Protein backbone atom coordinates (compact mmCIF):
# COMPACT_ATOMS: atom_id res chain seq x y z
CA MET A 1 -4.75 -23.97 67.79
CA ASN A 2 -8.34 -23.80 69.02
CA TYR A 3 -9.86 -20.38 68.29
CA ASN A 4 -13.29 -21.30 69.70
CA LYS A 5 -13.03 -19.68 73.13
CA LYS A 6 -15.57 -18.83 75.81
CA THR A 7 -16.56 -15.16 75.74
CA ILE A 8 -18.10 -12.73 78.22
CA TYR A 9 -21.49 -13.94 76.95
CA ASP A 10 -20.73 -17.35 78.50
CA VAL A 11 -20.37 -16.16 82.10
CA ASP A 12 -22.62 -14.38 84.60
CA VAL A 13 -20.68 -11.24 85.55
CA LYS A 14 -23.31 -9.66 87.81
CA GLY A 15 -21.73 -8.55 91.09
CA LYS A 16 -18.36 -10.00 90.03
CA LYS A 17 -15.03 -8.20 89.93
CA VAL A 18 -13.59 -8.50 86.43
CA LEU A 19 -9.92 -7.90 85.59
CA LEU A 20 -10.11 -6.61 82.01
CA ARG A 21 -6.94 -6.47 79.91
CA CYS A 22 -7.36 -3.68 77.34
CA ASP A 23 -5.04 -2.24 74.72
CA PHE A 24 -4.79 1.42 75.69
CA ASN A 25 -1.34 1.78 74.13
CA VAL A 26 -2.43 4.96 72.34
CA PRO A 27 -0.31 7.45 70.38
CA GLN A 28 0.29 10.72 72.22
CA ASN A 29 1.72 14.14 71.46
CA LYS A 30 5.29 13.99 72.85
CA GLU A 31 5.14 17.55 74.16
CA THR A 32 1.63 17.84 75.61
CA GLY A 33 0.82 14.17 76.31
CA GLU A 34 -2.49 14.67 74.47
CA ILE A 35 -3.95 11.49 72.94
CA THR A 36 -3.68 11.87 69.14
CA SER A 37 -5.83 8.83 68.25
CA ASP A 38 -8.37 7.20 70.56
CA LYS A 39 -9.16 4.32 68.17
CA ARG A 40 -7.93 1.68 70.60
CA ILE A 41 -9.94 3.12 73.48
CA VAL A 42 -13.08 3.26 71.34
CA ALA A 43 -12.49 -0.36 70.23
CA ALA A 44 -12.65 -1.47 73.90
CA LEU A 45 -16.00 0.24 74.58
CA PRO A 46 -18.38 -2.60 73.54
CA THR A 47 -16.79 -5.01 76.03
CA ILE A 48 -16.58 -2.40 78.81
CA LYS A 49 -20.20 -1.32 78.31
CA TYR A 50 -21.44 -4.91 78.26
CA LEU A 51 -19.66 -5.69 81.54
CA LEU A 52 -20.87 -2.49 83.25
CA ASP A 53 -24.45 -2.86 81.97
CA ASN A 54 -24.51 -6.41 83.34
CA GLY A 55 -23.45 -5.41 86.82
CA ALA A 56 -19.73 -6.21 86.78
CA ALA A 57 -17.17 -4.17 88.69
CA VAL A 58 -14.47 -3.59 86.07
CA ILE A 59 -10.78 -3.35 86.91
CA ALA A 60 -9.26 -2.31 83.59
CA CYS A 61 -5.54 -2.56 82.94
CA SER A 62 -3.15 -1.87 80.06
CA HIS A 63 0.41 -0.99 79.17
CA LEU A 64 1.49 2.25 77.47
CA GLY A 65 4.80 2.59 75.65
CA LYS A 66 8.02 0.90 76.78
CA PRO A 67 8.93 2.14 80.27
CA LYS A 68 10.91 -1.08 80.94
CA GLY A 69 9.94 -1.31 84.59
CA GLU A 70 10.55 2.38 85.40
CA TRP A 71 7.90 4.85 86.57
CA LYS A 72 7.84 7.47 83.83
CA THR A 73 5.43 10.38 84.30
CA LYS A 74 5.10 10.79 80.52
CA LEU A 75 3.74 7.25 80.25
CA THR A 76 1.07 7.43 82.93
CA LEU A 77 -2.39 6.13 81.99
CA ALA A 78 -4.08 9.09 83.75
CA PRO A 79 -4.96 10.82 80.41
CA VAL A 80 -6.51 7.53 79.22
CA ALA A 81 -8.67 7.32 82.38
CA LYS A 82 -9.85 10.90 81.77
CA HIS A 83 -10.66 10.25 78.10
CA LEU A 84 -12.38 6.94 78.87
CA SER A 85 -14.54 8.75 81.47
CA GLU A 86 -15.67 11.19 78.75
CA LEU A 87 -16.45 8.37 76.29
CA LEU A 88 -18.40 6.35 78.88
CA GLY A 89 -20.15 9.31 80.46
CA GLN A 90 -19.20 8.08 83.93
CA GLU A 91 -16.24 8.33 86.27
CA VAL A 92 -13.29 6.03 85.67
CA ILE A 93 -11.58 5.69 89.04
CA PHE A 94 -7.80 5.86 88.55
CA ALA A 95 -5.38 3.94 90.73
CA LYS A 96 -2.05 5.63 91.45
CA ASP A 97 -0.30 2.27 91.40
CA ILE A 98 -0.75 -1.21 89.90
CA ILE A 99 -0.94 -3.75 92.71
CA GLY A 100 -0.08 -1.43 95.61
CA GLU A 101 -2.22 -0.08 98.46
CA ASP A 102 -4.12 2.44 96.32
CA ALA A 103 -5.10 -0.10 93.64
CA GLN A 104 -6.04 -2.76 96.21
CA ALA A 105 -8.18 -0.38 98.29
CA LYS A 106 -9.98 0.99 95.22
CA ALA A 107 -10.54 -2.51 93.81
CA ALA A 108 -11.93 -3.74 97.14
CA ALA A 109 -14.39 -0.81 97.31
CA LEU A 110 -15.47 -1.11 93.65
CA GLN A 111 -19.19 -1.82 93.13
CA GLY A 112 -21.08 -3.42 90.21
CA GLY A 113 -21.46 -0.91 87.37
CA GLN A 114 -18.29 0.94 88.37
CA ILE A 115 -14.96 0.95 86.53
CA MET A 116 -11.39 1.68 87.58
CA LEU A 117 -8.11 1.74 85.67
CA LEU A 118 -4.78 0.59 87.06
CA GLU A 119 -1.58 2.52 86.38
CA ASN A 120 0.67 1.44 83.45
CA LEU A 121 1.38 -2.30 83.88
CA ARG A 122 4.86 -1.98 82.41
CA PHE A 123 5.96 0.32 85.23
CA ASP A 124 6.55 -3.02 86.97
CA ILE A 125 9.36 -5.07 85.44
CA ARG A 126 7.52 -8.31 86.35
CA GLU A 127 4.74 -7.61 83.81
CA GLU A 128 6.84 -8.39 80.72
CA LYS A 129 8.69 -11.18 82.54
CA ASN A 130 5.36 -12.84 83.41
CA GLY A 131 6.30 -12.85 87.09
CA ALA A 132 4.04 -15.30 88.94
CA ASP A 133 3.87 -13.11 92.08
CA PHE A 134 2.85 -10.07 90.00
CA ALA A 135 0.25 -12.09 88.03
CA LYS A 136 -1.18 -13.47 91.27
CA ALA A 137 -1.40 -10.00 92.86
CA LEU A 138 -3.34 -8.76 89.81
CA ALA A 139 -5.62 -11.81 89.90
CA ASP A 140 -6.24 -11.45 93.66
CA MET A 141 -8.17 -8.22 93.02
CA ALA A 142 -10.75 -9.98 90.80
CA GLU A 143 -12.85 -13.11 90.28
CA ILE A 144 -12.85 -13.30 86.47
CA PHE A 145 -10.25 -12.41 83.83
CA VAL A 146 -11.29 -11.01 80.44
CA SER A 147 -8.78 -10.61 77.62
CA ASP A 148 -9.66 -7.88 75.13
CA ALA A 149 -6.23 -6.66 73.98
CA PHE A 150 -5.63 -8.55 70.74
CA GLY A 151 -2.51 -6.48 70.06
CA THR A 152 -0.79 -8.20 73.00
CA VAL A 153 -2.03 -11.82 72.84
CA HIS A 154 1.20 -12.97 71.13
CA ARG A 155 3.08 -12.02 74.30
CA ALA A 156 3.25 -14.24 77.38
CA HIS A 157 3.08 -11.41 79.93
CA ALA A 158 1.60 -11.43 83.43
CA SER A 159 -1.54 -9.53 82.38
CA THR A 160 -2.04 -11.36 79.06
CA ALA A 161 -1.43 -14.98 80.08
CA GLY A 162 -0.08 -15.24 83.64
CA VAL A 163 -3.29 -14.21 85.41
CA ALA A 164 -5.18 -17.06 83.70
CA ALA A 165 -3.39 -19.49 86.04
CA TYR A 166 -5.39 -17.98 88.92
CA LEU A 167 -8.70 -16.87 87.35
CA PRO A 168 -11.21 -18.31 84.84
CA ALA A 169 -10.27 -16.56 81.58
CA TYR A 170 -12.74 -15.36 78.93
CA SER A 171 -12.45 -13.53 75.65
CA GLY A 172 -13.74 -9.98 75.28
CA LEU A 173 -15.75 -8.95 72.22
CA LEU A 174 -12.78 -7.46 70.36
CA VAL A 175 -10.57 -10.54 70.80
CA ASN A 176 -13.52 -12.79 69.94
CA LYS A 177 -14.11 -10.88 66.69
CA GLU A 178 -10.43 -11.22 65.73
CA LEU A 179 -10.42 -14.95 66.51
CA SER A 180 -13.65 -15.76 64.72
CA ILE A 181 -12.91 -13.78 61.55
CA MET A 182 -9.19 -14.54 61.21
CA GLY A 183 -9.56 -18.09 62.52
CA LYS A 184 -12.25 -18.87 59.95
CA ALA A 185 -10.19 -17.29 57.16
CA LEU A 186 -7.30 -19.64 57.92
CA ASP A 187 -9.20 -22.80 58.86
CA ASP A 188 -12.22 -22.70 56.59
CA PRO A 189 -11.87 -19.89 54.03
CA LYS A 190 -14.40 -19.10 51.34
CA ARG A 191 -12.44 -19.91 48.18
CA PRO A 192 -10.51 -18.91 46.16
CA PHE A 193 -8.32 -17.81 49.09
CA VAL A 194 -5.84 -15.09 48.08
CA ALA A 195 -3.02 -13.85 50.33
CA VAL A 196 -1.43 -10.48 49.51
CA LEU A 197 1.93 -10.02 51.24
CA GLY A 198 4.10 -6.92 51.15
CA GLY A 199 6.48 -5.01 53.37
CA ALA A 200 10.23 -4.61 53.36
CA LYS A 201 11.69 -7.95 54.36
CA VAL A 202 11.31 -11.58 53.37
CA SER A 203 12.68 -12.55 56.79
CA ASP A 204 9.67 -10.94 58.51
CA LYS A 205 7.28 -13.07 56.47
CA ILE A 206 9.08 -16.44 56.17
CA ASN A 207 6.74 -18.33 58.50
CA VAL A 208 3.67 -16.55 57.10
CA ILE A 209 4.48 -17.59 53.53
CA ASN A 210 5.27 -21.12 54.68
CA ASN A 211 1.96 -21.44 56.53
CA LEU A 212 -0.11 -19.81 53.78
CA LEU A 213 1.35 -22.09 51.09
CA GLU A 214 -0.58 -24.87 52.86
CA LYS A 215 -3.85 -22.91 52.77
CA ALA A 216 -4.01 -20.30 49.98
CA ASP A 217 -4.90 -20.71 46.30
CA THR A 218 -2.92 -17.62 45.26
CA ILE A 219 -0.09 -15.70 46.94
CA ILE A 220 0.68 -12.18 45.71
CA ILE A 221 4.05 -10.66 46.64
CA GLY A 222 4.81 -6.92 46.63
CA GLY A 223 6.89 -4.39 48.55
CA GLY A 224 10.61 -4.51 49.27
CA MET A 225 10.59 -8.25 49.82
CA SER A 226 9.60 -8.93 46.20
CA TYR A 227 13.11 -7.96 44.99
CA THR A 228 14.73 -10.86 46.85
CA PHE A 229 12.30 -13.24 45.09
CA LEU A 230 13.01 -11.61 41.70
CA LYS A 231 16.78 -11.80 42.27
CA ALA A 232 16.37 -15.51 43.14
CA GLN A 233 14.74 -15.95 39.72
CA GLY A 234 17.74 -14.37 38.00
CA HIS A 235 16.37 -10.84 37.50
CA GLU A 236 18.52 -7.73 37.90
CA ILE A 237 17.18 -5.56 40.73
CA GLY A 238 19.63 -2.60 40.67
CA LYS A 239 20.00 -0.92 44.07
CA SER A 240 16.71 -2.37 45.38
CA LEU A 241 16.35 -3.85 48.83
CA LEU A 242 17.91 -7.34 48.89
CA GLU A 243 18.27 -9.96 51.59
CA ALA A 244 21.11 -11.96 50.04
CA ASP A 245 20.96 -14.58 52.82
CA ARG A 246 17.33 -15.35 51.88
CA LEU A 247 17.80 -16.10 48.18
CA ASP A 248 17.78 -19.89 48.66
CA TYR A 249 14.65 -19.61 50.77
CA ALA A 250 12.96 -17.47 48.10
CA SER A 251 13.74 -20.09 45.43
CA GLU A 252 12.45 -22.86 47.70
CA MET A 253 9.14 -21.03 48.24
CA ILE A 254 8.65 -20.52 44.51
CA GLU A 255 9.28 -24.25 43.93
CA LYS A 256 7.02 -25.25 46.82
CA ALA A 257 4.19 -23.13 45.38
CA LYS A 258 4.63 -24.85 41.98
CA ALA A 259 4.55 -28.28 43.60
CA LYS A 260 1.39 -27.43 45.54
CA GLY A 261 -0.37 -25.79 42.60
CA VAL A 262 -0.49 -22.41 44.39
CA LYS A 263 -0.26 -19.39 42.07
CA PHE A 264 2.71 -17.30 43.20
CA LEU A 265 2.61 -13.83 41.67
CA LEU A 266 5.61 -11.48 41.54
CA PRO A 267 5.89 -7.98 40.03
CA VAL A 268 6.52 -7.78 36.26
CA ASP A 269 7.15 -4.01 36.24
CA HIS A 270 8.15 -1.35 38.73
CA LEU A 271 8.24 2.29 39.67
CA CYS A 272 11.88 3.05 40.42
CA ALA A 273 13.95 5.95 41.73
CA ALA A 274 17.64 6.86 41.81
CA GLU A 275 17.43 7.54 45.55
CA PHE A 276 15.18 6.75 48.53
CA SER A 277 13.34 10.06 48.78
CA ALA A 278 9.82 11.45 48.54
CA GLU A 279 11.12 14.01 46.01
CA ALA A 280 12.84 11.44 43.76
CA GLU A 281 11.61 11.20 40.19
CA ALA A 282 9.49 8.07 39.56
CA VAL A 283 10.85 6.07 36.60
CA ALA A 284 8.96 3.11 35.10
CA ALA A 285 10.86 -0.10 34.42
CA GLU A 286 9.66 -3.40 32.98
CA GLY A 287 11.43 -6.69 33.75
CA ASP A 288 14.88 -5.90 35.13
CA ILE A 289 15.58 -2.78 37.21
CA PRO A 290 18.44 -0.53 35.91
CA ALA A 291 21.73 -0.78 37.87
CA ASP A 292 21.55 2.81 39.19
CA MET A 293 17.88 2.55 40.28
CA MET A 294 15.94 1.01 43.17
CA GLY A 295 12.42 -0.42 43.06
CA MET A 296 9.98 1.73 45.07
CA ASP A 297 6.54 0.44 44.01
CA ILE A 298 4.81 -2.04 41.71
CA GLY A 299 4.19 -0.82 38.15
CA PRO A 300 0.94 -0.50 36.11
CA LYS A 301 1.06 -4.00 34.53
CA THR A 302 1.59 -5.58 37.95
CA ILE A 303 -1.27 -3.53 39.38
CA GLU A 304 -3.50 -4.82 36.59
CA ALA A 305 -2.46 -8.45 37.18
CA TYR A 306 -2.81 -8.22 40.97
CA SER A 307 -6.21 -6.49 40.77
CA ALA A 308 -7.43 -9.21 38.40
CA ALA A 309 -6.16 -11.93 40.80
CA VAL A 310 -8.22 -10.61 43.70
CA LYS A 311 -11.35 -9.94 41.61
CA GLY A 312 -12.88 -13.40 41.85
CA ALA A 313 -11.60 -14.20 45.34
CA GLY A 314 -13.77 -15.53 48.18
CA THR A 315 -11.33 -14.58 50.96
CA ILE A 316 -8.42 -12.12 50.83
CA VAL A 317 -5.86 -11.60 53.58
CA TRP A 318 -3.51 -8.64 53.16
CA ASN A 319 -0.42 -7.90 55.23
CA GLY A 320 2.15 -5.33 54.15
CA PRO A 321 2.18 -2.45 51.61
CA MET A 322 3.11 -2.86 47.93
CA GLY A 323 5.67 -0.05 47.92
CA VAL A 324 7.00 2.93 49.86
CA PHE A 325 3.44 4.12 50.48
CA GLU A 326 4.48 6.89 52.87
CA PHE A 327 5.86 8.72 49.78
CA ASP A 328 2.85 9.81 47.69
CA LYS A 329 4.57 9.11 44.35
CA PHE A 330 5.17 5.50 45.40
CA ALA A 331 1.81 4.83 47.06
CA VAL A 332 0.11 4.01 43.74
CA GLY A 333 0.40 0.22 44.07
CA THR A 334 -0.75 0.13 47.68
CA LYS A 335 -3.66 2.43 46.85
CA ALA A 336 -4.67 0.24 43.88
CA MET A 337 -4.50 -2.88 46.07
CA ALA A 338 -6.69 -1.27 48.75
CA LYS A 339 -9.20 -0.26 46.06
CA ALA A 340 -9.16 -3.78 44.54
CA LEU A 341 -9.84 -5.33 47.97
CA ALA A 342 -12.63 -2.82 48.67
CA GLU A 343 -14.34 -3.65 45.36
CA SER A 344 -13.71 -7.42 45.38
CA GLY A 345 -16.91 -8.56 47.13
CA ALA A 346 -14.74 -11.05 49.05
CA VAL A 347 -14.28 -11.46 52.81
CA THR A 348 -11.34 -9.05 53.21
CA ILE A 349 -8.99 -9.07 56.18
CA VAL A 350 -6.21 -6.55 56.59
CA GLY A 351 -3.47 -7.38 59.11
CA GLY A 352 -2.44 -4.60 61.49
CA GLY A 353 0.53 -2.26 61.08
CA ASP A 354 1.38 -0.59 57.77
CA SER A 355 -1.33 -2.19 55.64
CA ALA A 356 -4.02 -1.15 58.15
CA ALA A 357 -2.56 2.38 58.21
CA ALA A 358 -2.56 2.44 54.40
CA VAL A 359 -6.20 1.33 54.09
CA GLU A 360 -7.25 3.95 56.64
CA LYS A 361 -5.11 6.72 55.15
CA LEU A 362 -6.48 5.99 51.66
CA GLY A 363 -10.11 6.01 52.81
CA PHE A 364 -11.06 2.37 52.16
CA ALA A 365 -11.40 1.23 55.80
CA ASP A 366 -15.22 1.12 55.78
CA LYS A 367 -15.20 -1.24 52.75
CA ILE A 368 -12.93 -3.85 54.38
CA THR A 369 -14.57 -6.73 56.28
CA HIS A 370 -12.04 -6.67 59.10
CA ILE A 371 -8.98 -4.60 59.97
CA SER A 372 -6.96 -6.33 62.68
CA THR A 373 -6.11 -4.33 65.80
CA GLY A 374 -2.84 -6.21 66.33
CA GLY A 375 0.20 -5.87 64.06
CA GLY A 376 2.52 -8.45 65.61
CA ALA A 377 -0.37 -10.59 66.84
CA SER A 378 -2.04 -10.78 63.42
CA LEU A 379 1.31 -11.68 61.83
CA GLU A 380 1.88 -14.54 64.30
CA PHE A 381 -1.75 -15.60 63.73
CA LEU A 382 -1.02 -15.88 59.98
CA GLU A 383 2.12 -17.87 60.82
CA GLY A 384 -0.10 -20.43 62.53
CA LYS A 385 1.72 -19.91 65.84
CA GLU A 386 0.09 -20.57 69.19
CA LEU A 387 -0.69 -17.23 70.83
CA PRO A 388 -0.13 -17.42 74.62
CA GLY A 389 -2.86 -14.85 75.36
CA VAL A 390 -5.38 -16.96 73.43
CA ALA A 391 -4.22 -20.42 74.48
CA CYS A 392 -4.87 -19.49 78.13
CA LEU A 393 -8.57 -18.71 77.55
CA LEU A 394 -11.27 -21.29 78.35
CA ASP A 395 -12.34 -23.43 75.38
CA LYS A 396 -16.02 -23.55 74.44
C-alpha cells in the first residue's frame, strides 16, 4: 500500500470549503455528558488551525459512540462544538443536522476562516453503510475533502472513504504523521527491528504476527496470548487463557520464525494467581504454571530478557500489554516494557488501545516517539492491510 499521500500542504485552500473528517469520538461522563478527555479534539487542532489560518471555510464532521442510525440526545456533538470553540478561541457554528436544511444553509453561508461542525454522522444509518447518496450529499457542501481521523481509516464509511469519489482527497497532519512514522517503520525500519506483541488473544494478532515475521528481526510475545504459544510447545499452563483452536497456528509461527531466522521470544517465568482478581495473591512460577493457577503477568527473568532484547533496537513497535495491567499487582511486566522502550534510544511506536493507555497511565508517553491515535487502524496497519480511508487519498 502506498503511504505517500498528498497533504493539506499540497493544495491551496484559500477561499475553499473543506470537508474535514475528524475523530471527535471522545469519552464522556454518562450522567452529565461532560467530556472526560479532550485528547482527540486537541490532536485535531494543528490541521484545523492550518486550514483556518490559510483562509479555508471548514466543515468539520465526526461520529460519536454507536447510535446505529438513531438520533440519540446523549450522543450529540454539541458539547464537542462548545469545547472546540473554547480551544480555538472562536465560534464553532453547530449544525442541528448532518446533510439537512440547517447544515446546508450554514455550509453555504460559511466564509474563509470560519468553522462549523455537523451533527453526529452515525445518526444517519447510511454513514456506516457507505451510502453513495449520503456521501454525495456530504461532498456537495464542500470543494475539498481532508481526512484527519486515523482511528477510522480502516473503515469504508461514507465520511472516511465514500466522499473521496466526489472530492479531491488529502491527508490532514495527524493522518500524515501516522502514515509517515508507521509506514516507514514497516517499509524501511532502522534495524534491528523489534516487535513487542501482547494482549489477550492470539486470534486478534494472527495477521500481525504473520506480516511482522516478514519484516522484524525479533518478535517478543507477552500477555494472555503467550500461554497458547507455550502450550503449543508442550508447557503446562494451568488455568491460564488458552485458545485451543489456535495451537497448530502457534506451532506454525514458531517454526516459521526459526526458518526465517527471526528471534521469537516467549515468557520463561510468570506471575500467577489462583483467581482473576485485583486482590489475588501474586505467586511466582518458573517454566510450567501450576494446575490450580493462571498466568497474569510476565515474571522477573522474562522482564530481564525482554528488556535486554529491546536495548539495542533501532525500531520498536509495541501493541498489547504484557499482563493484566489494569490490576496493579500484575502491571509489573507492562510497566517494565514501557520503561525499556522509553530508555531504548530507538524509534518507538506504540499502537493504540491498551498499550497506549498503559504507556500514558505509567507516565512514559513523552519518551515514546509515536503513540498511535487509532487502535483498530494501527492493528490493521501492522497486518499490512489496505486501509480504505487511506487508499482513497491522492498519491503524491
